[in-house]
Protein backbone atom coordinates (compact mmCIF):
# COMPACT_ATOMS: atom_id res chain seq x y z
CA UNK A 1 8.78 -4.22 -30.62
CA UNK A 2 7.71 -4.44 -26.98
CA UNK A 3 7.76 -7.83 -25.34
CA UNK A 4 4.40 -9.32 -24.40
CA UNK A 5 4.08 -10.02 -20.68
CA UNK A 6 2.78 -13.28 -19.29
CA UNK A 7 -0.04 -13.71 -16.79
CA UNK A 8 2.57 -15.00 -14.34
CA UNK A 9 4.59 -11.76 -14.69
CA UNK A 10 1.46 -9.68 -14.03
CA UNK A 11 0.70 -11.78 -10.96
CA UNK A 12 4.27 -11.49 -9.60
CA UNK A 13 4.22 -7.72 -10.13
CA UNK A 14 0.89 -7.37 -8.33
CA UNK A 15 2.29 -9.41 -5.40
CA UNK A 16 5.40 -7.22 -5.30
CA UNK A 17 3.28 -4.07 -5.20
CA UNK A 18 1.06 -5.57 -2.49
CA UNK A 19 4.11 -6.20 -0.30
CA UNK A 20 5.28 -2.61 -0.85
CA UNK A 21 1.84 -1.23 0.00
CA UNK A 22 1.67 -3.28 3.19
CA UNK A 23 5.15 -2.11 4.16
CA UNK A 24 4.16 1.51 3.54
CA UNK A 25 1.10 1.09 5.76
CA UNK A 26 3.20 -0.57 8.49
CA UNK A 27 5.75 2.30 8.36
CA UNK A 28 2.95 4.88 8.54
CA UNK A 29 1.42 3.07 11.51
CA UNK A 30 4.77 3.07 13.29
CA UNK A 31 5.25 6.80 12.60
CA UNK A 32 1.78 7.48 13.99
CA UNK A 33 2.38 5.28 17.05
CA UNK A 34 -0.47 2.95 16.03
CA UNK A 35 -0.97 -0.76 16.52
CA UNK A 36 -2.88 -2.92 14.05
CA UNK A 37 -5.81 -2.80 16.46
CA UNK A 38 -5.66 1.02 16.47
CA UNK A 39 -5.55 1.00 12.66
CA UNK A 40 -8.58 -1.26 12.47
CA UNK A 41 -10.56 1.06 14.73
CA UNK A 42 -9.49 4.20 12.81
CA UNK A 43 -10.33 2.57 9.46
CA UNK A 44 -13.62 1.14 10.80
CA UNK A 45 -12.56 -2.42 10.03
CA UNK A 46 -12.46 -5.61 12.03
CA UNK A 47 -8.98 -6.28 13.48
CA UNK A 48 -8.91 -9.68 11.72
CA UNK A 49 -9.48 -7.98 8.36
CA UNK A 50 -6.52 -5.62 8.91
CA UNK A 51 -4.38 -8.63 9.90
CA UNK A 52 -5.35 -10.48 6.70
CA UNK A 53 -4.66 -7.47 4.48
CA UNK A 54 -1.29 -6.58 6.00
CA UNK A 55 -0.20 -10.22 6.12
CA UNK A 56 -1.01 -10.65 2.41
CA UNK A 57 -3.87 -13.09 2.97
CA UNK A 58 -6.40 -10.67 1.45
CA UNK A 59 -5.87 -8.51 -1.63
CA UNK A 60 -4.78 -4.92 -1.03
CA UNK A 61 -6.97 -2.83 -3.31
CA UNK A 62 -6.33 0.82 -4.11
CA UNK A 63 -9.44 1.66 -2.08
CA UNK A 64 -8.10 -0.23 0.94
CA UNK A 65 -4.62 1.32 0.53
CA UNK A 66 -6.22 4.79 0.58
CA UNK A 67 -8.49 3.86 3.51
CA UNK A 68 -5.66 2.50 5.64
CA UNK A 69 -3.42 5.43 4.75
CA UNK A 70 -6.06 7.96 5.74
CA UNK A 71 -6.61 6.03 8.98
CA UNK A 72 -2.87 6.49 9.68
CA UNK A 73 -3.21 10.20 8.89
CA UNK A 74 -1.43 10.20 5.52
CA UNK A 75 -2.25 10.72 1.85
CA UNK A 76 -0.29 8.89 -0.86
CA UNK A 77 1.31 10.27 -4.00
CA UNK A 78 2.50 8.35 -7.02
CA UNK A 79 5.58 9.14 -9.09
CA UNK A 80 6.49 7.32 -12.28
CA UNK A 81 10.08 6.12 -12.48
CA UNK A 82 11.89 4.29 -15.26
CA UNK A 83 12.58 0.68 -14.45
CA UNK A 84 15.65 -0.23 -16.52
CA UNK A 85 15.36 -4.00 -16.70
CA UNK A 86 11.87 -3.98 -18.22
CA UNK A 87 11.90 -0.58 -19.93
CA UNK A 88 8.57 0.68 -18.71
CA UNK A 89 7.35 3.29 -16.27
CA UNK A 90 6.44 1.92 -12.86
CA UNK A 91 4.78 3.59 -9.89
CA UNK A 92 6.52 4.44 -6.64
CA UNK A 93 4.59 5.95 -3.77
CA UNK A 94 5.23 7.67 -0.52
CA UNK A 95 3.57 9.87 2.01
CA UNK A 96 2.84 13.25 0.49
CA UNK A 97 1.48 14.90 3.56
CA UNK A 98 0.63 14.19 7.12
CA UNK A 99 -2.97 15.13 7.60
CA UNK A 100 -3.64 17.77 10.17
CA UNK A 101 -4.99 16.24 13.35
CA UNK A 102 -3.64 12.77 12.59
CA UNK A 103 -6.35 10.15 12.33
């Protein structure tokens, strides 16, 4: 029988994924030679909003992850991998393609 997860475990997992998403955006920005201010302009966001998202002060939604990725000139892909200690499939992402023309 599968173990029932707690609300705290769901919250911790969502925080872990948020940190990974922010790190992926930061790496993509660096590869594109972009600053946070450049990213805000390319994503049509206020610089303060980008700061809050990347610093973990505002929730990173899938929509925002896609928006910031596209602003960096990348598209994301998701690959399921087995996570041994909890016995479930988890998602790992990475850049699948650099978009032609960058931003």
